[in-house]
Amino acid sequence: MIDAHTHCFPNDPFSNSKVWAQTNKEDYWLRLVAPNKKPSLQRWNTKEQTLKVMHDANIEKIILLGWYWEHESTCLWHNQLMQSWFKEAPDKFIGFASILPNHSILKQLELAKSMGFRGVGELHPSVQNFSGNKRHWYQMAEWCIQENWPINIHVTESLNLPHSGYTQTPFQFYLDLAIAFPELKIILAHWGGGIPFFEQNPKLKPLLKNVYYDTAASPLLYDMTIFKNVISMVGIEKIIFGSDYPLNLYPNYQAEADIKTFIQAVHTDADLSSEAMNSLFKETITNILGSH
């Protein structure tokens, strides 16, 4: 099994979140990890903890995604941590680079390539100012096609109750990106925030042929019927397993994050065939990554 949506973070943003966020001007991060009313669901994990969680859940490899930081310096700082993980355990960790699409986008991408990364993401068009930096986002897309790099992009569901960190993402952006770059491998996080529904439009479906959807944070967002429902709309070949570890997916009865509970729920409650399980947990993401 491969978990295609996980994170690892340095300790600094957790040890004193408010001071760190204010010092580094990462305001959105502060909204997530230090909300005003409810405790944060985001957890901090060491490499050793992550390897144990992987062992317990029988996970062969995980993709470490970068974060949608608001400053290039923070992205590089985060990439250096992820690099230290996958250099020490290349058989366990695959890295997607934290990138800020701005005027130095090509320099950032080339550096990430030299560091051993194999994709880009997780990105956030609202937090990272897609509207003001569209040209740089498109430069990144062209580069990723050339290098056969997938891009993972956060999608927020457009209809929900307000909660900490809830920042809507423009659905039109994802369609525009897919149309402009039909060879780009686009992974939309969190079931695409509901975008699979719009693939039922026969005019849109062929335009989204290069778009995939990961299952990150499912237990916090949907019940387990989401698997059968979305698969019936877009096909199992477009769905990729991701947990969003170390996010705590079961805060009502677990204090710490794990992946095993989520995987067990998929096996017992998602009602999928063994062939569908293989596609979900390994085959599709392996094909997307290709050979490097």
Protein backbone atom coordinates (compact mmCIF):
# COMPACT_ATOMS: atom_id res chain seq x y z
CA MET A 1 0.00 0.00 0.00
CA ILE A 2 0.98 3.59 -0.65
CA ASP A 3 -0.44 6.53 1.27
CA ALA A 4 -0.33 9.38 -1.24
CA HIS A 5 -1.21 12.25 1.10
CA THR A 6 0.76 12.71 4.31
CA HIS A 7 2.81 15.49 5.87
CA CYS A 8 5.78 15.94 8.13
CA PHE A 9 6.49 19.18 9.93
CA PRO A 10 9.39 20.68 11.84
CA ASN A 11 8.76 21.07 15.55
CA ASP A 12 9.04 24.87 15.53
CA PRO A 13 5.55 25.64 14.16
CA PHE A 14 4.04 23.50 16.93
CA SER A 15 6.17 24.31 19.97
CA ASN A 16 5.09 27.95 19.98
CA SER A 17 2.62 28.33 17.13
CA LYS A 18 1.65 31.95 17.66
CA VAL A 19 5.18 33.31 17.95
CA TRP A 20 6.44 31.19 15.05
CA ALA A 21 3.58 32.15 12.75
CA GLN A 22 3.87 35.84 13.54
CA THR A 23 7.65 35.81 13.12
CA ASN A 24 7.44 34.02 9.77
CA LYS A 25 4.24 35.79 8.66
CA GLU A 26 2.42 32.49 8.12
CA ASP A 27 -1.03 33.66 9.15
CA TYR A 28 -3.03 30.83 7.63
CA TRP A 29 -1.01 28.23 9.52
CA LEU A 30 -1.86 29.97 12.78
CA ARG A 31 -5.57 29.78 11.96
CA LEU A 32 -5.24 26.02 11.55
CA VAL A 33 -3.05 25.01 14.48
CA ALA A 34 -4.18 27.57 17.04
CA PRO A 35 -7.91 28.09 16.45
CA ASN A 36 -9.80 30.30 18.85
CA LYS A 37 -12.54 27.91 19.94
CA LYS A 38 -11.63 24.26 19.34
CA PRO A 39 -8.31 22.45 19.77
CA SER A 40 -6.41 21.80 16.58
CA LEU A 41 -6.69 18.42 14.88
CA GLN A 42 -3.23 18.80 13.38
CA ARG A 43 -0.55 16.71 15.05
CA TRP A 44 3.23 16.75 14.89
CA ASN A 45 5.14 13.59 13.99
CA THR A 46 8.74 12.43 14.04
CA LYS A 47 10.25 10.19 11.38
CA GLU A 48 10.37 7.32 13.85
CA GLN A 49 6.70 7.77 14.78
CA THR A 50 5.72 7.82 11.13
CA LEU A 51 7.66 4.67 10.34
CA LYS A 52 5.94 2.89 13.24
CA VAL A 53 2.50 4.04 12.04
CA MET A 54 3.36 2.78 8.56
CA HIS A 55 4.48 -0.59 9.94
CA ASP A 56 1.33 -0.96 12.03
CA ALA A 57 -0.87 -0.18 9.01
CA ASN A 58 1.12 -2.36 6.59
CA ILE A 59 1.97 0.62 4.39
CA GLU A 60 4.87 0.15 2.03
CA LYS A 61 5.52 3.80 1.16
CA ILE A 62 4.08 7.23 1.78
CA ILE A 63 4.23 10.49 -0.12
CA LEU A 64 5.33 13.38 2.05
CA LEU A 65 3.53 16.45 0.77
CA GLY A 66 4.80 19.94 1.32
CA TRP A 67 2.56 22.62 2.78
CA TYR A 68 0.96 25.65 1.17
CA TRP A 69 3.16 28.19 2.89
CA GLU A 70 2.78 31.87 2.12
CA HIS A 71 6.51 32.57 1.78
CA GLU A 72 9.20 31.01 -0.37
CA SER A 73 11.68 30.87 2.51
CA THR A 74 9.27 28.74 4.55
CA CYS A 75 8.78 26.39 1.60
CA LEU A 76 12.53 25.84 1.27
CA TRP A 77 12.91 25.33 5.02
CA HIS A 78 10.17 22.68 4.92
CA ASN A 79 11.67 20.99 1.85
CA GLN A 80 14.96 20.56 3.66
CA LEU A 81 13.22 18.62 6.42
CA MET A 82 11.37 16.37 3.96
CA GLN A 83 14.60 15.75 2.07
CA SER A 84 16.29 14.56 5.25
CA TRP A 85 13.49 12.00 5.68
CA PHE A 86 13.51 10.53 2.19
CA LYS A 87 17.29 10.54 1.96
CA GLU A 88 17.50 8.45 5.14
CA ALA A 89 14.68 6.10 4.13
CA PRO A 90 14.27 6.25 0.33
CA ASP A 91 12.41 2.94 0.32
CA LYS A 92 9.73 4.43 2.59
CA PHE A 93 9.32 8.11 1.69
CA ILE A 94 8.60 9.93 -1.58
CA GLY A 95 8.73 13.73 -1.50
CA PHE A 96 6.46 16.31 -3.16
CA ALA A 97 7.97 19.78 -2.82
CA SER A 98 6.51 22.73 -0.99
CA ILE A 99 6.39 25.45 -3.64
CA LEU A 100 5.19 29.06 -3.76
CA PRO A 101 4.26 29.91 -7.37
CA ASN A 102 5.86 33.35 -7.71
CA HIS A 103 8.48 35.10 -9.86
CA SER A 104 11.17 32.53 -8.89
CA ILE A 105 9.03 29.49 -9.65
CA LEU A 106 11.45 27.85 -12.10
CA LYS A 107 14.36 28.28 -9.69
CA GLN A 108 12.31 26.68 -6.91
CA LEU A 109 11.35 23.74 -9.12
CA GLU A 110 14.88 23.09 -10.34
CA LEU A 111 16.16 23.18 -6.78
CA ALA A 112 13.46 20.74 -5.68
CA LYS A 113 14.42 18.41 -8.51
CA SER A 114 18.08 18.53 -7.47
CA MET A 115 17.02 17.69 -3.91
CA GLY A 116 15.30 14.48 -5.02
CA PHE A 117 11.62 15.47 -5.01
CA ARG A 118 9.20 13.79 -7.42
CA GLY A 119 6.20 16.10 -7.49
CA VAL A 120 4.69 19.37 -6.28
CA GLY A 121 2.15 19.96 -3.55
CA GLU A 122 0.15 20.34 -1.56
CA LEU A 123 -0.73 23.71 -3.10
CA HIS A 124 -3.59 26.03 -2.17
CA PRO A 125 -4.80 28.51 -4.81
CA SER A 126 -6.53 30.81 -2.33
CA VAL A 127 -3.81 30.94 0.32
CA GLN A 128 -1.02 31.14 -2.25
CA ASN A 129 -2.67 33.79 -4.43
CA PHE A 130 -3.48 32.05 -7.68
CA SER A 131 -5.40 35.04 -9.05
CA GLY A 132 -2.45 37.39 -8.63
CA ASN A 133 0.21 34.95 -9.81
CA LYS A 134 -1.58 32.95 -12.52
CA ARG A 135 1.33 33.23 -14.96
CA HIS A 136 3.67 31.62 -12.44
CA TRP A 137 1.20 28.78 -11.75
CA TYR A 138 1.08 28.11 -15.47
CA GLN A 139 4.88 28.17 -15.72
CA MET A 140 4.93 25.55 -12.99
CA ALA A 141 2.41 23.42 -14.89
CA GLU A 142 4.52 23.51 -18.05
CA TRP A 143 7.64 22.52 -16.11
CA CYS A 144 5.84 19.65 -14.36
CA ILE A 145 4.60 18.25 -17.67
CA GLN A 146 8.14 18.30 -19.00
CA GLU A 147 9.46 16.49 -15.92
CA ASN A 148 6.46 14.14 -15.58
CA TRP A 149 5.73 15.52 -12.11
CA PRO A 150 2.23 15.33 -10.65
CA ILE A 151 0.77 18.26 -8.73
CA ASN A 152 -1.36 17.84 -5.59
CA ILE A 153 -3.73 20.74 -4.94
CA HIS A 154 -5.95 21.35 -1.92
CA VAL A 155 -9.66 21.70 -2.59
CA THR A 156 -12.13 23.01 -0.05
CA GLU A 157 -15.71 21.81 -0.26
CA SER A 158 -17.81 24.75 -1.43
CA LEU A 159 -20.75 24.00 0.88
CA ASN A 160 -20.09 23.41 4.57
CA LEU A 161 -20.53 24.90 8.01
CA PRO A 162 -17.83 27.44 8.91
CA HIS A 163 -14.83 26.00 10.72
CA SER A 164 -11.28 26.99 11.54
CA GLY A 165 -9.18 27.40 8.42
CA TYR A 166 -12.18 27.10 6.09
CA THR A 167 -11.08 29.04 3.03
CA GLN A 168 -12.98 28.38 -0.17
CA THR A 169 -11.11 27.48 -3.32
CA PRO A 170 -12.33 28.53 -6.79
CA PHE A 171 -13.60 25.48 -8.67
CA GLN A 172 -13.21 27.29 -11.98
CA PHE A 173 -9.45 27.42 -11.40
CA TYR A 174 -9.18 23.64 -11.41
CA LEU A 175 -11.16 23.35 -14.63
CA ASP A 176 -9.12 26.09 -16.30
CA LEU A 177 -5.89 24.35 -15.28
CA ALA A 178 -7.06 20.97 -16.59
CA ILE A 179 -8.15 22.51 -19.90
CA ALA A 180 -4.96 24.54 -20.35
CA PHE A 181 -2.69 21.60 -19.52
CA PRO A 182 -4.34 18.30 -20.54
CA GLU A 183 -1.04 16.42 -20.06
CA LEU A 184 -0.56 17.64 -16.48
CA LYS A 185 -1.22 15.03 -13.79
CA ILE A 186 -3.47 16.84 -11.32
CA ILE A 187 -4.37 15.28 -7.97
CA LEU A 188 -7.16 17.15 -6.20
CA ALA A 189 -7.05 16.53 -2.46
CA HIS A 190 -10.03 15.71 -0.23
CA TRP A 191 -12.15 14.10 -2.95
CA GLY A 192 -11.82 17.27 -5.00
CA GLY A 193 -14.20 19.06 -2.65
CA GLY A 194 -17.17 17.73 -4.65
CA ILE A 195 -15.79 18.32 -8.15
CA PRO A 196 -16.43 14.65 -9.13
CA PHE A 197 -20.13 15.54 -9.25
CA PHE A 198 -19.46 17.92 -12.12
CA GLU A 199 -17.86 15.15 -14.13
CA GLN A 200 -21.44 14.01 -14.74
CA ASN A 201 -21.70 16.92 -17.19
CA PRO A 202 -20.78 15.29 -20.53
CA LYS A 203 -19.17 18.53 -21.68
CA LEU A 204 -16.86 18.65 -18.64
CA LYS A 205 -15.98 15.00 -18.20
CA PRO A 206 -13.46 14.78 -21.08
CA LEU A 207 -11.89 18.05 -19.96
CA LEU A 208 -11.15 16.55 -16.52
CA LYS A 209 -9.60 13.34 -17.85
CA ASN A 210 -6.21 14.23 -16.34
CA VAL A 211 -7.66 14.95 -12.88
CA TYR A 212 -7.48 12.48 -9.99
CA TYR A 213 -8.95 12.67 -6.49
CA ASP A 214 -7.36 11.64 -3.21
CA THR A 215 -9.24 10.55 -0.09
CA ALA A 216 -7.34 12.68 2.45
CA ALA A 217 -9.21 13.53 5.66
CA SER A 218 -12.28 11.51 4.61
CA PRO A 219 -13.42 10.55 8.13
CA LEU A 220 -13.59 14.22 9.10
CA LEU A 221 -15.60 15.18 6.03
CA TYR A 222 -17.84 12.34 4.85
CA ASP A 223 -19.24 8.95 5.77
CA MET A 224 -17.82 5.86 4.12
CA THR A 225 -20.43 5.79 1.34
CA ILE A 226 -18.29 8.49 -0.30
CA PHE A 227 -16.12 5.72 -1.78
CA LYS A 228 -18.87 3.91 -3.67
CA ASN A 229 -20.62 7.14 -4.60
CA VAL A 230 -17.60 8.88 -6.13
CA ILE A 231 -16.31 5.71 -7.77
CA SER A 232 -19.69 5.34 -9.47
CA MET A 233 -19.33 8.88 -10.82
CA VAL A 234 -15.72 8.94 -12.03
CA GLY A 235 -14.36 5.39 -11.85
CA ILE A 236 -11.98 3.69 -9.44
CA GLU A 237 -9.02 4.50 -11.71
CA LYS A 238 -9.28 8.17 -10.68
CA ILE A 239 -9.28 7.64 -6.90
CA ILE A 240 -6.08 7.58 -4.82
CA PHE A 241 -5.78 6.67 -1.16
CA GLY A 242 -4.48 9.43 1.07
CA SER A 243 -4.90 9.77 4.83
CA ASP A 244 -3.64 13.31 5.62
CA TYR A 245 -1.53 11.88 8.45
CA PRO A 246 -0.65 13.29 11.01
CA LEU A 247 -4.08 14.89 11.04
CA ASN A 248 -6.25 13.33 13.75
CA LEU A 249 -9.07 11.76 11.74
CA TYR A 250 -10.99 10.38 14.72
CA PRO A 251 -10.87 13.09 17.41
CA ASN A 252 -13.95 11.78 19.22
CA TYR A 253 -12.16 8.64 20.41
CA GLN A 254 -8.48 8.97 19.52
CA ALA A 255 -5.99 11.38 21.01
CA GLU A 256 -3.32 10.84 18.40
CA ALA A 257 -3.25 10.42 14.64
CA ASP A 258 -2.88 7.09 12.92
CA ILE A 259 -3.58 5.60 9.48
CA LYS A 260 -4.53 2.05 10.42
CA THR A 261 -8.02 2.94 11.68
CA PHE A 262 -8.88 4.64 8.39
CA ILE A 263 -7.57 1.74 6.32
CA GLN A 264 -9.57 -0.73 8.42
CA ALA A 265 -12.69 1.36 7.83
CA VAL A 266 -12.11 1.24 4.07
CA HIS A 267 -11.82 -2.54 4.21
CA THR A 268 -14.90 -3.05 6.37
CA ASP A 269 -17.24 -0.23 5.31
CA ALA A 270 -16.40 0.94 1.78
CA ASP A 271 -17.72 -2.23 0.08
CA LEU A 272 -14.96 -2.41 -2.55
CA SER A 273 -13.72 -5.39 -4.52
CA SER A 274 -10.15 -6.62 -4.19
CA GLU A 275 -9.40 -5.19 -7.63
CA ALA A 276 -10.75 -1.80 -6.57
CA MET A 277 -8.70 -1.95 -3.37
CA ASN A 278 -5.54 -2.59 -5.36
CA SER A 279 -6.26 0.36 -7.63
CA LEU A 280 -7.10 2.62 -4.70
CA PHE A 281 -4.12 1.74 -2.52
CA LYS A 282 -1.34 1.31 -5.06
CA GLU A 283 -1.93 0.88 -8.78
CA THR A 284 -3.17 4.35 -9.73
CA ILE A 285 -0.60 6.37 -7.80
CA THR A 286 2.18 4.08 -9.03
CA ASN A 287 1.13 4.76 -12.63
CA ILE A 288 0.96 8.50 -11.97
CA LEU A 289 4.45 8.58 -10.48
CA GLY A 290 5.83 6.62 -13.40
CA SER A 291 9.54 5.95 -13.64
CA HIS A 292 12.18 8.40 -12.42
